[in-house]
Amino acid sequence: MVLWGRSMGAATALRYGKAKVIVADSSFQSFRSLCKQVVKKHSPKYVPNCLISCFFPCVFSKLRNDVKELGDYDIECLDILASVRNISQETFLIFMSGDEDLLIDKKNS
């Protein structure tokens, strides 16, 4: 069986997939790293990175609490890097990412 997923599908395949081959197209390391990457990419140029780094933990904590309350899910569980470490060594993983992907930076894949 081959599992193929893009972004959240890739994250899901890497997190739960039991297959001989998993193709992860534009996955991300963790939801936290994805949020931080998106904030830095789309912040105005005059906002320094140190300010983003300073406020990001508070904003992410608020987002995490809202999702827990409204969706009964902890977004910190979306640590895909940790999940990949638990995949069987017999599973063949293919990671793909595009230079022009507008959401997932290839550095986060």
C-alpha atoms as a PDB file:
ATOM      1  CA  MET A   1       0.000   0.000   0.000  1.00  0.00           C
ATOM      2  CA  VAL A   2       1.170   3.532  -0.804  1.00  0.00           C
ATOM      3  CA  LEU A   3      -0.045   6.551   1.177  1.00  0.00           C
ATOM      4  CA  TRP A   4       0.175   9.933  -0.538  1.00  0.00           C
ATOM      5  CA  GLY A   5      -0.692  13.204   1.113  1.00  0.00           C
ATOM      6  CA  ARG A   6      -0.190  16.941   0.676  1.00  0.00           C
ATOM      7  CA  SER A   7       0.265  19.313   3.663  1.00  0.00           C
ATOM      8  CA  MET A   8      -2.222  18.041   6.281  1.00  0.00           C
ATOM      9  CA  GLY A   9      -2.676  14.811   4.323  1.00  0.00           C
ATOM     10  CA  ALA A  10       1.086  14.314   4.356  1.00  0.00           C
ATOM     11  CA  ALA A  11       1.217  15.093   8.054  1.00  0.00           C
ATOM     12  CA  THR A  12      -1.576  12.592   8.692  1.00  0.00           C
ATOM     13  CA  ALA A  13       0.094   9.915   6.579  1.00  0.00           C
ATOM     14  CA  LEU A  14       3.374  10.425   8.453  1.00  0.00           C
ATOM     15  CA  ARG A  15       1.640  10.472  11.820  1.00  0.00           C
ATOM     16  CA  TYR A  16      -0.683   7.495  11.437  1.00  0.00           C
ATOM     17  CA  GLY A  17       0.287   5.773   8.222  1.00  0.00           C
ATOM     18  CA  LYS A  18       1.148   2.125   8.225  1.00  0.00           C
ATOM     19  CA  ALA A  19       2.288   1.481   4.672  1.00  0.00           C
ATOM     20  CA  LYS A  20       5.272   0.197   2.760  1.00  0.00           C
ATOM     21  CA  VAL A  21       5.642   3.569   0.991  1.00  0.00           C
ATOM     22  CA  ILE A  22       4.619   7.031   2.211  1.00  0.00           C
ATOM     23  CA  VAL A  23       4.850  10.012  -0.151  1.00  0.00           C
ATOM     24  CA  ALA A  24       4.773  13.257   1.838  1.00  0.00           C
ATOM     25  CA  ASP A  25       4.208  16.270  -0.393  1.00  0.00           C
ATOM     26  CA  SER A  26       4.753  19.549   1.445  1.00  0.00           C
ATOM     27  CA  SER A  27       4.529  18.191   4.948  1.00  0.00           C
ATOM     28  CA  PHE A  28       5.719  20.197   7.936  1.00  0.00           C
ATOM     29  CA  GLN A  29       7.825  19.441  11.018  1.00  0.00           C
ATOM     30  CA  SER A  30       5.253  20.541  13.573  1.00  0.00           C
ATOM     31  CA  PHE A  31       2.202  22.776  13.604  1.00  0.00           C
ATOM     32  CA  ARG A  32       4.108  25.192  15.838  1.00  0.00           C
ATOM     33  CA  SER A  33       6.973  25.470  13.321  1.00  0.00           C
ATOM     34  CA  LEU A  34       4.490  25.914  10.471  1.00  0.00           C
ATOM     35  CA  CYS A  35       2.679  28.749  12.277  1.00  0.00           C
ATOM     36  CA  LYS A  36       5.938  30.499  13.105  1.00  0.00           C
ATOM     37  CA  GLN A  37       7.141  30.195   9.504  1.00  0.00           C
ATOM     38  CA  VAL A  38       3.854  31.628   8.156  1.00  0.00           C
ATOM     39  CA  VAL A  39       3.913  34.527  10.630  1.00  0.00           C
ATOM     40  CA  LYS A  40       7.501  35.439   9.739  1.00  0.00           C
ATOM     41  CA  LYS A  41       6.829  35.161   6.014  1.00  0.00           C
ATOM     42  CA  HIS A  42       3.690  37.318   6.044  1.00  0.00           C
ATOM     43  CA  SER A  43       4.654  39.924   8.658  1.00  0.00           C
ATOM     44  CA  PRO A  44       5.386  43.427   7.428  1.00  0.00           C
ATOM     45  CA  LYS A  45       9.080  43.979   6.684  1.00  0.00           C
ATOM     46  CA  TYR A  46       9.366  46.633   9.409  1.00  0.00           C
ATOM     47  CA  VAL A  47       8.451  44.142  12.177  1.00  0.00           C
ATOM     48  CA  PRO A  48      11.736  42.738  13.520  1.00  0.00           C
ATOM     49  CA  ASN A  49      12.138  38.971  13.982  1.00  0.00           C
ATOM     50  CA  CYS A  50      12.961  39.469  17.672  1.00  0.00           C
ATOM     51  CA  LEU A  51       9.507  41.000  18.189  1.00  0.00           C
ATOM     52  CA  ILE A  52       7.847  38.071  16.416  1.00  0.00           C
ATOM     53  CA  SER A  53       9.880  35.618  18.508  1.00  0.00           C
ATOM     54  CA  CYS A  54       8.896  37.474  21.660  1.00  0.00           C
ATOM     55  CA  PHE A  55       5.128  37.482  21.037  1.00  0.00           C
ATOM     56  CA  PHE A  56       4.751  34.212  19.136  1.00  0.00           C
ATOM     57  CA  PRO A  57       4.608  31.943  22.234  1.00  0.00           C
ATOM     58  CA  CYS A  58       1.690  33.954  23.671  1.00  0.00           C
ATOM     59  CA  VAL A  59      -0.231  34.025  20.396  1.00  0.00           C
ATOM     60  CA  PHE A  60       0.376  30.315  19.760  1.00  0.00           C
ATOM     61  CA  SER A  61      -0.725  29.492  23.304  1.00  0.00           C
ATOM     62  CA  LYS A  62      -3.997  31.394  22.706  1.00  0.00           C
ATOM     63  CA  LEU A  63      -4.502  29.530  19.411  1.00  0.00           C
ATOM     64  CA  ARG A  64      -3.779  26.204  21.121  1.00  0.00           C
ATOM     65  CA  ASN A  65      -6.266  26.911  23.921  1.00  0.00           C
ATOM     66  CA  ASP A  66      -8.966  28.008  21.451  1.00  0.00           C
ATOM     67  CA  VAL A  67      -8.561  24.847  19.360  1.00  0.00           C
ATOM     68  CA  LYS A  68      -8.633  22.701  22.522  1.00  0.00           C
ATOM     69  CA  GLU A  69     -11.804  24.422  23.682  1.00  0.00           C
ATOM     70  CA  LEU A  70     -13.644  24.508  20.359  1.00  0.00           C
ATOM     71  CA  GLY A  71     -12.328  21.369  18.711  1.00  0.00           C
ATOM     72  CA  ASP A  72     -11.239  19.215  21.627  1.00  0.00           C
ATOM     73  CA  TYR A  73      -7.815  18.680  20.009  1.00  0.00           C
ATOM     74  CA  ASP A  74      -4.299  19.629  21.096  1.00  0.00           C
ATOM     75  CA  ILE A  75      -2.400  21.079  18.134  1.00  0.00           C
ATOM     76  CA  GLU A  76       0.886  20.321  19.901  1.00  0.00           C
ATOM     77  CA  CYS A  77       0.168  16.687  18.977  1.00  0.00           C
ATOM     78  CA  LEU A  78       0.954  17.651  15.383  1.00  0.00           C
ATOM     79  CA  ASP A  79       4.668  17.050  15.925  1.00  0.00           C
ATOM     80  CA  ILE A  80       5.362  15.260  12.665  1.00  0.00           C
ATOM     81  CA  LEU A  81       9.116  15.099  13.177  1.00  0.00           C
ATOM     82  CA  ALA A  82       8.575  13.005  16.322  1.00  0.00           C
ATOM     83  CA  SER A  83       6.117  10.778  14.437  1.00  0.00           C
ATOM     84  CA  VAL A  84       8.614  10.139  11.628  1.00  0.00           C
ATOM     85  CA  ARG A  85      11.105   8.870  14.187  1.00  0.00           C
ATOM     86  CA  ASN A  86       8.584   6.161  15.133  1.00  0.00           C
ATOM     87  CA  ILE A  87       7.898   4.918  11.591  1.00  0.00           C
ATOM     88  CA  SER A  88       9.163   1.439  10.833  1.00  0.00           C
ATOM     89  CA  GLN A  89      12.593   1.303   9.208  1.00  0.00           C
ATOM     90  CA  GLU A  90      11.005  -0.926   6.582  1.00  0.00           C
ATOM     91  CA  THR A  91       8.776   1.925   5.367  1.00  0.00           C
ATOM     92  CA  PHE A  92      10.085   3.832   2.362  1.00  0.00           C
ATOM     93  CA  LEU A  93       9.550   7.599   2.794  1.00  0.00           C
ATOM     94  CA  ILE A  94       9.548  10.090  -0.067  1.00  0.00           C
ATOM     95  CA  PHE A  95       9.517  13.773   0.892  1.00  0.00           C
ATOM     96  CA  MET A  96       8.621  16.336  -1.753  1.00  0.00           C
ATOM     97  CA  SER A  97       8.314  20.087  -1.662  1.00  0.00           C
ATOM     98  CA  GLY A  98       8.044  22.792  -4.283  1.00  0.00           C
ATOM     99  CA  ASP A  99      10.147  25.901  -4.662  1.00  0.00           C
ATOM    100  CA  GLU A 100       6.992  27.934  -5.268  1.00  0.00           C
ATOM    101  CA  ASP A 101       4.790  26.433  -2.530  1.00  0.00           C
ATOM    102  CA  LEU A 102       2.933  29.375  -0.999  1.00  0.00           C
ATOM    103  CA  LEU A 103       2.160  27.737   2.355  1.00  0.00           C
ATOM    104  CA  ILE A 104       4.854  25.251   3.347  1.00  0.00           C
ATOM    105  CA  ASP A 105       8.397  26.529   2.953  1.00  0.00           C
ATOM    106  CA  LYS A 106      10.744  23.767   1.791  1.00  0.00           C
ATOM    107  CA  LYS A 107      12.894  24.424   4.885  1.00  0.00           C
ATOM    108  CA  ASN A 108       9.945  23.302   7.027  1.00  0.00           C
ATOM    109  CA  SER A 109       9.602  20.099   5.027  1.00  0.00           C
END
